[in-house]
Amino acid sequence: MPNSASAWLDARTIDAPASLRTRVSRALAGTPEQSDSLPQTLADAALAALERVLANPSERAAAFDLLAADALLTYAFEAAAEQGGDAVLELSNAYSPARFNELLATRPPDARA
């Protein structure tokens, strides 16, 4: 799926700044192929980028990874919308605020803001 996901993403990021395209592509390329679902693949890449931000929040690169995570999750929902309401609902349930709270809860107490 990452190859077809890359092609889908390339068609939508053509006008995005080069630095953002690079970060988004890098995040997607580093995502293991675990799903045949385009929205899920993009969302997994977004979550991986967000995990990098949380691992090193004070690094300057964290800002770019945060932008990439935001873009990837937005594109995941765009891809889901193209598939229909059920796909959007499924993605919404998988990447709810509770899911992000779980991610934050796994951080050591001294790393939480």
PDB file of N, CA and C in Angstrom:
ATOM      1  N   MET A   1       0.805  -1.209   0.000  1.00  0.00           N
ATOM      2  CA  MET A   1       0.000   0.000   0.000  1.00  0.00           C
ATOM      3  C   MET A   1       0.849   1.274   0.000  1.00  0.00           C
ATOM      4  N   PRO A   2       2.027   1.321   0.631  1.00  0.00           N
ATOM      5  CA  PRO A   2       2.768   2.583   0.604  1.00  0.00           C
ATOM      6  C   PRO A   2       3.031   3.124  -0.789  1.00  0.00           C
ATOM      7  N   ASN A   3       3.253   2.260  -1.808  1.00  0.00           N
ATOM      8  CA  ASN A   3       3.481   2.781  -3.161  1.00  0.00           C
ATOM      9  C   ASN A   3       2.239   3.447  -3.716  1.00  0.00           C
ATOM     10  N   SER A   4       1.084   2.788  -3.591  1.00  0.00           N
ATOM     11  CA  SER A   4      -0.140   3.411  -4.090  1.00  0.00           C
ATOM     12  C   SER A   4      -0.528   4.590  -3.213  1.00  0.00           C
ATOM     13  N   ALA A   5      -0.242   4.509  -1.923  1.00  0.00           N
ATOM     14  CA  ALA A   5      -0.496   5.634  -1.026  1.00  0.00           C
ATOM     15  C   ALA A   5       0.392   6.807  -1.421  1.00  0.00           C
ATOM     16  N   SER A   6       1.622   6.530  -1.784  1.00  0.00           N
ATOM     17  CA  SER A   6       2.542   7.592  -2.220  1.00  0.00           C
ATOM     18  C   SER A   6       2.027   8.266  -3.477  1.00  0.00           C
ATOM     19  N   ALA A   7       1.542   7.485  -4.413  1.00  0.00           N
ATOM     20  CA  ALA A   7       1.015   8.055  -5.652  1.00  0.00           C
ATOM     21  C   ALA A   7      -0.213   8.914  -5.361  1.00  0.00           C
ATOM     22  N   TRP A   8      -1.102   8.421  -4.502  1.00  0.00           N
ATOM     23  CA  TRP A   8      -2.300   9.183  -4.127  1.00  0.00           C
ATOM     24  C   TRP A   8      -1.896  10.495  -3.473  1.00  0.00           C
ATOM     25  N   LEU A   9      -0.935  10.407  -2.564  1.00  0.00           N
ATOM     26  CA  LEU A   9      -0.474  11.580  -1.828  1.00  0.00           C
ATOM     27  C   LEU A   9       0.250  12.567  -2.741  1.00  0.00           C
ATOM     28  N   ASP A  10       1.084  12.068  -3.631  1.00  0.00           N
ATOM     29  CA  ASP A  10       1.814  12.937  -4.559  1.00  0.00           C
ATOM     30  C   ASP A  10       0.861  13.793  -5.390  1.00  0.00           C
ATOM     31  N   ALA A  11      -0.261  13.209  -5.778  1.00  0.00           N
ATOM     32  CA  ALA A  11      -1.228  13.941  -6.594  1.00  0.00           C
ATOM     33  C   ALA A  11      -1.879  15.085  -5.817  1.00  0.00           C
ATOM     34  N   ARG A  12      -1.881  14.982  -4.494  1.00  0.00           N
ATOM     35  CA  ARG A  12      -2.545  15.998  -3.677  1.00  0.00           C
ATOM     36  C   ARG A  12      -1.583  17.002  -3.039  1.00  0.00           C
ATOM     37  N   THR A  13      -0.315  16.697  -3.044  1.00  0.00           N
ATOM     38  CA  THR A  13       0.649  17.585  -2.382  1.00  0.00           C
ATOM     39  C   THR A  13       1.512  18.351  -3.377  1.00  0.00           C
ATOM     40  N   ILE A  14       1.150  18.318  -4.626  1.00  0.00           N
ATOM     41  CA  ILE A  14       1.981  18.932  -5.656  1.00  0.00           C
ATOM     42  C   ILE A  14       2.230  20.421  -5.406  1.00  0.00           C
ATOM     43  N   ASP A  15       1.261  21.116  -4.816  1.00  0.00           N
ATOM     44  CA  ASP A  15       1.415  22.550  -4.554  1.00  0.00           C
ATOM     45  C   ASP A  15       1.889  22.855  -3.132  1.00  0.00           C
ATOM     46  N   ALA A  16       2.107  21.827  -2.333  1.00  0.00           N
ATOM     47  CA  ALA A  16       2.569  22.032  -0.956  1.00  0.00           C
ATOM     48  C   ALA A  16       4.048  22.413  -0.960  1.00  0.00           C
ATOM     49  N   PRO A  17       4.498  23.105   0.075  1.00  0.00           N
ATOM     50  CA  PRO A  17       5.928  23.427   0.159  1.00  0.00           C
ATOM     51  C   PRO A  17       6.776  22.149   0.100  1.00  0.00           C
ATOM     52  N   ALA A  18       7.909  22.253  -0.545  1.00  0.00           N
ATOM     53  CA  ALA A  18       8.779  21.090  -0.731  1.00  0.00           C
ATOM     54  C   ALA A  18       9.174  20.448   0.595  1.00  0.00           C
ATOM     55  N   SER A  19       9.440  21.255   1.614  1.00  0.00           N
ATOM     56  CA  SER A  19       9.847  20.699   2.904  1.00  0.00           C
ATOM     57  C   SER A  19       8.734  19.860   3.525  1.00  0.00           C
ATOM     58  N   LEU A  20       7.484  20.291   3.350  1.00  0.00           N
ATOM     59  CA  LEU A  20       6.365  19.508   3.878  1.00  0.00           C
ATOM     60  C   LEU A  20       6.182  18.231   3.072  1.00  0.00           C
ATOM     61  N   ARG A  21       6.269  18.324   1.760  1.00  0.00           N
ATOM     62  CA  ARG A  21       6.160  17.117   0.916  1.00  0.00           C
ATOM     63  C   ARG A  21       7.212  16.094   1.300  1.00  0.00           C
ATOM     64  N   THR A  22       8.422  16.575   1.550  1.00  0.00           N
ATOM     65  CA  THR A  22       9.505  15.665   1.932  1.00  0.00           C
ATOM     66  C   THR A  22       9.197  14.970   3.246  1.00  0.00           C
ATOM     67  N   ARG A  23       8.769  15.718   4.251  1.00  0.00           N
ATOM     68  CA  ARG A  23       8.446  15.133   5.571  1.00  0.00           C
ATOM     69  C   ARG A  23       7.300  14.137   5.474  1.00  0.00           C
ATOM     70  N   VAL A  24       6.273  14.510   4.722  1.00  0.00           N
ATOM     71  CA  VAL A  24       5.109  13.636   4.579  1.00  0.00           C
ATOM     72  C   VAL A  24       5.520  12.354   3.856  1.00  0.00           C
ATOM     73  N   SER A  25       6.283  12.481   2.791  1.00  0.00           N
ATOM     74  CA  SER A  25       6.739  11.300   2.046  1.00  0.00           C
ATOM     75  C   SER A  25       7.630  10.412   2.897  1.00  0.00           C
ATOM     76  N   ARG A  26       8.508  11.037   3.675  1.00  0.00           N
ATOM     77  CA  ARG A  26       9.405  10.280   4.547  1.00  0.00           C
ATOM     78  C   ARG A  26       8.611   9.521   5.612  1.00  0.00           C
ATOM     79  N   ALA A  27       7.609  10.179   6.179  1.00  0.00           N
ATOM     80  CA  ALA A  27       6.783   9.522   7.198  1.00  0.00           C
ATOM     81  C   ALA A  27       6.024   8.348   6.599  1.00  0.00           C
ATOM     82  N   LEU A  28       5.499   8.532   5.401  1.00  0.00           N
ATOM     83  CA  LEU A  28       4.766   7.452   4.747  1.00  0.00           C
ATOM     84  C   LEU A  28       5.690   6.298   4.388  1.00  0.00           C
ATOM     85  N   ALA A  29       6.874   6.617   3.878  1.00  0.00           N
ATOM     86  CA  ALA A  29       7.821   5.569   3.500  1.00  0.00           C
ATOM     87  C   ALA A  29       8.278   4.753   4.702  1.00  0.00           C
ATOM     88  N   GLY A  30       8.318   5.377   5.872  1.00  0.00           N
ATOM     89  CA  GLY A  30       8.757   4.680   7.077  1.00  0.00           C
ATOM     90  C   GLY A  30       7.656   3.914   7.787  1.00  0.00           C
ATOM     91  N   THR A  31       6.462   3.906   7.215  1.00  0.00           N
ATOM     92  CA  THR A  31       5.334   3.223   7.838  1.00  0.00           C
ATOM     93  C   THR A  31       5.263   1.795   7.328  1.00  0.00           C
ATOM     94  N   PRO A  32       5.269   0.812   8.237  1.00  0.00           N
ATOM     95  CA  PRO A  32       5.176  -0.577   7.791  1.00  0.00           C
ATOM     96  C   PRO A  32       3.850  -0.840   7.074  1.00  0.00           C
ATOM     97  N   GLU A  33       3.909  -1.702   6.108  1.00  0.00           N
ATOM     98  CA  GLU A  33       2.715  -2.058   5.343  1.00  0.00           C
ATOM     99  C   GLU A  33       1.869  -3.007   6.175  1.00  0.00           C
ATOM    100  N   GLN A  34       0.855  -2.451   6.845  1.00  0.00           N
ATOM    101  CA  GLN A  34       0.017  -3.268   7.716  1.00  0.00           C
ATOM    102  C   GLN A  34      -1.439  -3.278   7.282  1.00  0.00           C
ATOM    103  N   SER A  35      -1.782  -2.481   6.302  1.00  0.00           N
ATOM    104  CA  SER A  35      -3.179  -2.342   5.933  1.00  0.00           C
ATOM    105  C   SER A  35      -3.335  -2.194   4.434  1.00  0.00           C
ATOM    106  N   ASP A  36      -4.456  -2.711   3.914  1.00  0.00           N
ATOM    107  CA  ASP A  36      -4.806  -2.491   2.515  1.00  0.00           C
ATOM    108  C   ASP A  36      -5.659  -1.243   2.370  1.00  0.00           C
ATOM    109  N   SER A  37      -5.899  -0.567   3.476  1.00  0.00           N
ATOM    110  CA  SER A  37      -6.743   0.615   3.488  1.00  0.00           C
ATOM    111  C   SER A  37      -5.893   1.875   3.356  1.00  0.00           C
ATOM    112  N   LEU A  38      -6.163   2.674   2.328  1.00  0.00           N
ATOM    113  CA  LEU A  38      -5.431   3.918   2.140  1.00  0.00           C
ATOM    114  C   LEU A  38      -5.600   4.849   3.338  1.00  0.00           C
ATOM    115  N   PRO A  39      -6.832   5.089   3.806  1.00  0.00           N
ATOM    116  CA  PRO A  39      -6.965   5.964   4.976  1.00  0.00           C
ATOM    117  C   PRO A  39      -6.185   5.452   6.184  1.00  0.00           C
ATOM    118  N   GLN A  40      -6.210   4.154   6.417  1.00  0.00           N
ATOM    119  CA  GLN A  40      -5.498   3.583   7.558  1.00  0.00           C
ATOM    120  C   GLN A  40      -3.990   3.740   7.398  1.00  0.00           C
ATOM    121  N   THR A  41      -3.483   3.538   6.200  1.00  0.00           N
ATOM    122  CA  THR A  41      -2.052   3.689   5.943  1.00  0.00           C
ATOM    123  C   THR A  41      -1.605   5.129   6.207  1.00  0.00           C
ATOM    124  N   LEU A  42      -2.385   6.082   5.716  1.00  0.00           N
ATOM    125  CA  LEU A  42      -2.044   7.491   5.933  1.00  0.00           C
ATOM    126  C   LEU A  42      -2.137   7.856   7.410  1.00  0.00           C
ATOM    127  N   ALA A  43      -3.152   7.354   8.092  1.00  0.00           N
ATOM    128  CA  ALA A  43      -3.307   7.632   9.521  1.00  0.00           C
ATOM    129  C   ALA A  43      -2.184   6.991  10.333  1.00  0.00           C
ATOM    130  N   ASP A  44      -1.770   5.794   9.949  1.00  0.00           N
ATOM    131  CA  ASP A  44      -0.639   5.154  10.637  1.00  0.00           C
ATOM    132  C   ASP A  44       0.630   5.991  10.484  1.00  0.00           C
ATOM    133  N   ALA A  45       0.842   6.540   9.291  1.00  0.00           N
ATOM    134  CA  ALA A  45       2.005   7.399   9.061  1.00  0.00           C
ATOM    135  C   ALA A  45       1.907   8.667   9.904  1.00  0.00           C
ATOM    136  N   ALA A  46       0.695   9.210  10.032  1.00  0.00           N
ATOM    137  CA  ALA A  46       0.492  10.401  10.867  1.00  0.00           C
ATOM    138  C   ALA A  46       0.828  10.092  12.317  1.00  0.00           C
ATOM    139  N   LEU A  47       0.369   8.957  12.793  1.00  0.00           N
ATOM    140  CA  LEU A  47       0.637   8.576  14.180  1.00  0.00           C
ATOM    141  C   LEU A  47       2.126   8.360  14.415  1.00  0.00           C
ATOM    142  N   ALA A  48       2.812   7.776  13.456  1.00  0.00           N
ATOM    143  CA  ALA A  48       4.259   7.574  13.590  1.00  0.00           C
ATOM    144  C   ALA A  48       4.984   8.921  13.654  1.00  0.00           C
ATOM    145  N   ALA A  49       4.552   9.874  12.842  1.00  0.00           N
ATOM    146  CA  ALA A  49       5.170  11.208  12.873  1.00  0.00           C
ATOM    147  C   ALA A  49       4.903  11.878  14.216  1.00  0.00           C
ATOM    148  N   LEU A  50       3.692  11.728  14.727  1.00  0.00           N
ATOM    149  CA  LEU A  50       3.361  12.308  16.029  1.00  0.00           C
ATOM    150  C   LEU A  50       4.178  11.657  17.147  1.00  0.00           C
ATOM    151  N   GLU A  51       4.394  10.372  17.055  1.00  0.00           N
ATOM    152  CA  GLU A  51       5.224   9.690  18.060  1.00  0.00           C
ATOM    153  C   GLU A  51       6.646  10.232  18.046  1.00  0.00           C
ATOM    154  N   ARG A  52       7.168  10.577  16.862  1.00  0.00           N
ATOM    155  CA  ARG A  52       8.508  11.185  16.782  1.00  0.00           C
ATOM    156  C   ARG A  52       8.520  12.547  17.468  1.00  0.00           C
ATOM    157  N   VAL A  53       7.453  13.296  17.300  1.00  0.00           N
ATOM    158  CA  VAL A  53       7.350  14.599  17.961  1.00  0.00           C
ATOM    159  C   VAL A  53       7.368  14.416  19.469  1.00  0.00           C
ATOM    160  N   LEU A  54       6.587  13.477  19.956  1.00  0.00           N
ATOM    161  CA  LEU A  54       6.494  13.259  21.394  1.00  0.00           C
ATOM    162  C   LEU A  54       7.789  12.712  21.985  1.00  0.00           C
ATOM    163  N   ALA A  55       8.561  12.001  21.174  1.00  0.00           N
ATOM    164  CA  ALA A  55       9.830  11.457  21.652  1.00  0.00           C
ATOM    165  C   ALA A  55      10.894  12.546  21.810  1.00  0.00           C
ATOM    166  N   ASN A  56      10.815  13.574  20.984  1.00  0.00           N
ATOM    167  CA  ASN A  56      11.818  14.651  21.002  1.00  0.00           C
ATOM    168  C   ASN A  56      11.147  16.000  20.792  1.00  0.00           C
ATOM    169  N   PRO A  57      10.284  16.409  21.708  1.00  0.00           N
ATOM    170  CA  PRO A  57       9.493  17.622  21.471  1.00  0.00           C
ATOM    171  C   PRO A  57      10.292  18.919  21.415  1.00  0.00           C
ATOM    172  N   SER A  58      11.472  18.940  21.987  1.00  0.00           N
ATOM    173  CA  SER A  58      12.225  20.194  22.004  1.00  0.00           C
ATOM    174  C   SER A  58      13.126  20.368  20.787  1.00  0.00           C
ATOM    175  N   GLU A  59      13.225  19.359  19.947  1.00  0.00           N
ATOM    176  CA  GLU A  59      14.045  19.480  18.739  1.00  0.00           C
ATOM    177  C   GLU A  59      13.322  20.319  17.691  1.00  0.00           C
ATOM    178  N   ARG A  60      14.070  21.087  16.953  1.00  0.00           N
ATOM    179  CA  ARG A  60      13.493  21.933  15.902  1.00  0.00           C
ATOM    180  C   ARG A  60      12.749  21.093  14.866  1.00  0.00           C
ATOM    181  N   ALA A  61      13.259  19.923  14.579  1.00  0.00           N
ATOM    182  CA  ALA A  61      12.623  19.050  13.591  1.00  0.00           C
ATOM    183  C   ALA A  61      11.235  18.609  14.035  1.00  0.00           C
ATOM    184  N   ALA A  62      10.952  18.689  15.314  1.00  0.00           N
ATOM    185  CA  ALA A  62       9.641  18.276  15.815  1.00  0.00           C
ATOM    186  C   ALA A  62       8.528  19.117  15.196  1.00  0.00           C
ATOM    187  N   ALA A  63       8.790  20.364  14.935  1.00  0.00           N
ATOM    188  CA  ALA A  63       7.773  21.223  14.326  1.00  0.00           C
ATOM    189  C   ALA A  63       7.394  20.710  12.934  1.00  0.00           C
ATOM    190  N   PHE A  64       8.386  20.297  12.166  1.00  0.00           N
ATOM    191  CA  PHE A  64       8.110  19.778  10.828  1.00  0.00           C
ATOM    192  C   PHE A  64       7.387  18.435  10.894  1.00  0.00           C
ATOM    193  N   ASP A  65       7.780  17.601  11.855  1.00  0.00           N
ATOM    194  CA  ASP A  65       7.094  16.324  12.023  1.00  0.00           C
ATOM    195  C   ASP A  65       5.647  16.535  12.463  1.00  0.00           C
ATOM    196  N   LEU A  66       5.399  17.547  13.279  1.00  0.00           N
ATOM    197  CA  LEU A  66       4.033  17.848  13.704  1.00  0.00           C
ATOM    198  C   LEU A  66       3.192  18.306  12.513  1.00  0.00           C
ATOM    199  N   LEU A  67       3.758  19.140  11.667  1.00  0.00           N
ATOM    200  CA  LEU A  67       3.048  19.558  10.453  1.00  0.00           C
ATOM    201  C   LEU A  67       2.765  18.361   9.543  1.00  0.00           C
ATOM    202  N   ALA A  68       3.733  17.470   9.424  1.00  0.00           N
ATOM    203  CA  ALA A  68       3.539  16.273   8.602  1.00  0.00           C
ATOM    204  C   ALA A  68       2.448  15.387   9.191  1.00  0.00           C
ATOM    205  N   ALA A  69       2.440  15.225  10.512  1.00  0.00           N
ATOM    206  CA  ALA A  69       1.403  14.417  11.164  1.00  0.00           C
ATOM    207  C   ALA A  69       0.024  15.006  10.899  1.00  0.00           C
ATOM    208  N   ASP A  70      -0.084  16.309  11.032  1.00  0.00           N
ATOM    209  CA  ASP A  70      -1.354  16.985  10.780  1.00  0.00           C
ATOM    210  C   ASP A  70      -1.797  16.779   9.333  1.00  0.00           C
ATOM    211  N   ALA A  71      -0.889  16.983   8.402  1.00  0.00           N
ATOM    212  CA  ALA A  71      -1.224  16.821   6.987  1.00  0.00           C
ATOM    213  C   ALA A  71      -1.638  15.386   6.679  1.00  0.00           C
ATOM    214  N   LEU A  72      -0.904  14.428   7.204  1.00  0.00           N
ATOM    215  CA  LEU A  72      -1.215  13.023   6.929  1.00  0.00           C
ATOM    216  C   LEU A  72      -2.566  12.611   7.496  1.00  0.00           C
ATOM    217  N   LEU A  73      -2.891  13.073   8.685  1.00  0.00           N
ATOM    218  CA  LEU A  73      -4.185  12.718   9.257  1.00  0.00           C
ATOM    219  C   LEU A  73      -5.316  13.399   8.474  1.00  0.00           C
ATOM    220  N   THR A  74      -5.082  14.629   8.046  1.00  0.00           N
ATOM    221  CA  THR A  74      -6.069  15.310   7.213  1.00  0.00           C
ATOM    222  C   THR A  74      -6.272  14.552   5.900  1.00  0.00           C
ATOM    223  N   TYR A  75      -5.176  14.123   5.274  1.00  0.00           N
ATOM    224  CA  TYR A  75      -5.287  13.355   4.035  1.00  0.00           C
ATOM    225  C   TYR A  75      -5.937  11.999   4.282  1.00  0.00           C
ATOM    226  N   ALA A  76      -5.708  11.409   5.441  1.00  0.00           N
ATOM    227  CA  ALA A  76      -6.357  10.137   5.764  1.00  0.00           C
ATOM    228  C   ALA A  76      -7.873  10.307   5.761  1.00  0.00           C
ATOM    229  N   PHE A  77      -8.342  11.402   6.342  1.00  0.00           N
ATOM    230  CA  PHE A  77      -9.785  11.645   6.347  1.00  0.00           C
ATOM    231  C   PHE A  77     -10.305  12.007   4.960  1.00  0.00           C
ATOM    232  N   GLU A  78      -9.497  12.678   4.157  1.00  0.00           N
ATOM    233  CA  GLU A  78      -9.897  12.944   2.772  1.00  0.00           C
ATOM    234  C   GLU A  78     -10.055  11.629   2.009  1.00  0.00           C
ATOM    235  N   ALA A  79      -9.092  10.737   2.184  1.00  0.00           N
ATOM    236  CA  ALA A  79      -9.165   9.433   1.518  1.00  0.00           C
ATOM    237  C   ALA A  79     -10.381   8.643   2.004  1.00  0.00           C
ATOM    238  N   ALA A  80     -10.650   8.716   3.293  1.00  0.00           N
ATOM    239  CA  ALA A  80     -11.820   8.027   3.838  1.00  0.00           C
ATOM    240  C   ALA A  80     -13.103   8.619   3.258  1.00  0.00           C
ATOM    241  N   ALA A  81     -13.166   9.936   3.149  1.00  0.00           N
ATOM    242  CA  ALA A  81     -14.358  10.590   2.597  1.00  0.00           C
ATOM    243  C   ALA A  81     -14.604  10.154   1.155  1.00  0.00           C
ATOM    244  N   GLU A  82     -13.528   9.946   0.419  1.00  0.00           N
ATOM    245  CA  GLU A  82     -13.673   9.470  -0.959  1.00  0.00           C
ATOM    246  C   GLU A  82     -14.288   8.072  -1.003  1.00  0.00           C
ATOM    247  N   GLN A  83     -14.083   7.300   0.065  1.00  0.00           N
ATOM    248  CA  GLN A  83     -14.615   5.935   0.129  1.00  0.00           C
ATOM    249  C   GLN A  83     -16.036   5.893   0.692  1.00  0.00           C
ATOM    250  N   GLY A  84     -16.454   6.959   1.352  1.00  0.00           N
ATOM    251  CA  GLY A  84     -17.822   7.007   1.856  1.00  0.00           C
ATOM    252  C   GLY A  84     -17.895   7.176   3.364  1.00  0.00           C
ATOM    253  N   GLY A  85     -19.103   7.372   3.830  1.00  0.00           N
ATOM    254  CA  GLY A  85     -19.354   7.652   5.235  1.00  0.00           C
ATOM    255  C   GLY A  85     -18.892   6.565   6.188  1.00  0.00           C
ATOM    256  N   ASP A  86     -19.035   5.309   5.790  1.00  0.00           N
ATOM    257  CA  ASP A  86     -18.600   4.216   6.669  1.00  0.00           C
ATOM    258  C   ASP A  86     -17.093   4.271   6.912  1.00  0.00           C
ATOM    259  N   ALA A  87     -16.333   4.605   5.879  1.00  0.00           N
ATOM    260  CA  ALA A  87     -14.878   4.705   6.018  1.00  0.00           C
ATOM    261  C   ALA A  87     -14.499   5.861   6.941  1.00  0.00           C
ATOM    262  N   VAL A  88     -15.221   6.969   6.840  1.00  0.00           N
ATOM    263  CA  VAL A  88     -14.957   8.115   7.719  1.00  0.00           C
ATOM    264  C   VAL A  88     -15.257   7.735   9.165  1.00  0.00           C
ATOM    265  N   LEU A  89     -16.380   7.072   9.383  1.00  0.00           N
ATOM    266  CA  LEU A  89     -16.752   6.648  10.733  1.00  0.00           C
ATOM    267  C   LEU A  89     -15.718   5.685  11.309  1.00  0.00           C
ATOM    268  N   GLU A  90     -15.282   4.744  10.498  1.00  0.00           N
ATOM    269  CA  GLU A  90     -14.276   3.775  10.951  1.00  0.00           C
ATOM    270  C   GLU A  90     -12.972   4.480  11.344  1.00  0.00           C
ATOM    271  N   LEU A  91     -12.529   5.409  10.518  1.00  0.00           N
ATOM    272  CA  LEU A  91     -11.299   6.140  10.820  1.00  0.00           C
ATOM    273  C   LEU A  91     -11.484   7.035  12.040  1.00  0.00           C
ATOM    274  N   SER A  92     -12.635   7.657  12.155  1.00  0.00           N
ATOM    275  CA  SER A  92     -12.920   8.503  13.320  1.00  0.00           C
ATOM    276  C   SER A  92     -12.863   7.702  14.608  1.00  0.00           C
ATOM    277  N   ASN A  93     -13.384   6.497  14.557  1.00  0.00           N
ATOM    278  CA  ASN A  93     -13.349   5.647  15.754  1.00  0.00           C
ATOM    279  C   ASN A  93     -11.928   5.196  16.084  1.00  0.00           C
ATOM    280  N   ALA A  94     -11.151   4.911  15.055  1.00  0.00           N
ATOM    281  CA  ALA A  94      -9.779   4.439  15.273  1.00  0.00           C
ATOM    282  C   ALA A  94      -8.845   5.549  15.741  1.00  0.00           C
ATOM    283  N   TYR A  95      -9.120   6.782  15.333  1.00  0.00           N
ATOM    284  CA  TYR A  95      -8.242   7.911  15.672  1.00  0.00           C
ATOM    285  C   TYR A  95      -9.021   8.993  16.408  1.00  0.00           C
ATOM    286  N   SER A  96      -9.694   8.564  17.433  1.00  0.00           N
ATOM    287  CA  SER A  96     -10.490   9.452  18.277  1.00  0.00           C
ATOM    288  C   SER A  96      -9.580  10.166  19.283  1.00  0.00           C
ATOM    289  N   PRO A  97     -10.113  11.164  19.971  1.00  0.00           N
ATOM    290  CA  PRO A  97      -9.330  11.797  21.042  1.00  0.00           C
ATOM    291  C   PRO A  97      -8.846  10.786  22.080  1.00  0.00           C
ATOM    292  N   ALA A  98      -9.631   9.759  22.323  1.00  0.00           N
ATOM    293  CA  ALA A  98      -9.215   8.728  23.283  1.00  0.00           C
ATOM    294  C   ALA A  98      -7.938   8.030  22.814  1.00  0.00           C
ATOM    295  N   ARG A  99      -7.812   7.797  21.508  1.00  0.00           N
ATOM    296  CA  ARG A  99      -6.615   7.157  20.956  1.00  0.00           C
ATOM    297  C   ARG A  99      -5.388   8.032  21.183  1.00  0.00           C
ATOM    298  N   PHE A 100      -5.545   9.333  21.005  1.00  0.00           N
ATOM    299  CA  PHE A 100      -4.429  10.236  21.226  1.00  0.00           C
ATOM    300  C   PHE A 100      -4.103  10.355  22.713  1.00  0.00           C
ATOM    301  N   ASN A 101      -5.099  10.257  23.555  1.00  0.00           N
ATOM    302  CA  ASN A 101      -4.846  10.223  25.001  1.00  0.00           C
ATOM    303  C   ASN A 101      -4.030   8.991  25.380  1.00  0.00           C
ATOM    304  N   GLU A 102      -4.318   7.861  24.735  1.00  0.00           N
ATOM    305  CA  GLU A 102      -3.530   6.642  24.971  1.00  0.00           C
ATOM    306  C   GLU A 102      -2.066   6.872  24.610  1.00  0.00           C
ATOM    307  N   LEU A 103      -1.850   7.524  23.498  1.00  0.00           N
ATOM    308  CA  LEU A 103      -0.484   7.819  23.057  1.00  0.00           C
ATOM    309  C   LEU A 103       0.233   8.683  24.088  1.00  0.00           C
ATOM    310  N   LEU A 104      -0.438   9.701  24.562  1.00  0.00           N
ATOM    311  CA  LEU A 104       0.165  10.582  25.565  1.00  0.00           C
ATOM    312  C   LEU A 104       0.404   9.859  26.880  1.00  0.00           C
ATOM    313  N   ALA A 105      -0.474   8.937  27.235  1.00  0.00           N
ATOM    314  CA  ALA A 105      -0.355   8.217  28.501  1.00  0.00           C
ATOM    315  C   ALA A 105       0.855   7.290  28.519  1.00  0.00           C
ATOM    316  N   THR A 106       1.364   6.913  27.354  1.00  0.00           N
ATOM    317  CA  THR A 106       2.515   6.017  27.311  1.00  0.00           C
ATOM    318  C   THR A 106       3.844   6.730  27.527  1.00  0.00           C
ATOM    319  N   ARG A 107       3.790   8.070  27.564  1.00  0.00           N
ATOM    320  CA  ARG A 107       5.017   8.844  27.769  1.00  0.00           C
ATOM    321  C   ARG A 107       5.389   8.844  29.241  1.00  0.00           C
ATOM    322  N   PRO A 108       6.669   8.901  29.549  1.00  0.00           N
ATOM    323  CA  PRO A 108       7.096   8.999  30.942  1.00  0.00           C
ATOM    324  C   PRO A 108       6.547  10.276  31.569  1.00  0.00           C
ATOM    325  N   PRO A 109       6.225  10.268  32.859  1.00  0.00           N
ATOM    326  CA  PRO A 109       5.664  11.458  33.522  1.00  0.00           C
ATOM    327  C   PRO A 109       6.498  12.719  33.357  1.00  0.00           C
ATOM    328  N   ASP A 110       7.814  12.612  33.348  1.00  0.00           N
ATOM    329  CA  ASP A 110       8.645  13.813  33.221  1.00  0.00           C
ATOM    330  C   ASP A 110       8.654  14.364  31.804  1.00  0.00           C
ATOM    331  N   ALA A 111       8.123  13.628  30.844  1.00  0.00           N
ATOM    332  CA  ALA A 111       8.103  14.100  29.456  1.00  0.00           C
ATOM    333  C   ALA A 111       6.763  14.752  29.111  1.00  0.00           C
ATOM    334  N   ARG A 112       5.810  14.677  30.007  1.00  0.00           N
ATOM    335  CA  ARG A 112       4.486  15.282  29.756  1.00  0.00           C
ATOM    336  C   ARG A 112       4.515  16.757  30.098  1.00  0.00           C
ATOM    337  N   ALA A 113       3.808  17.526  29.312  1.00  0.00           N
ATOM    338  CA  ALA A 113       3.751  18.974  29.557  1.00  0.00           C
ATOM    339  C   ALA A 113       2.720  19.284  30.613  1.00  0.00           C
TER     340      ALA A 113
END
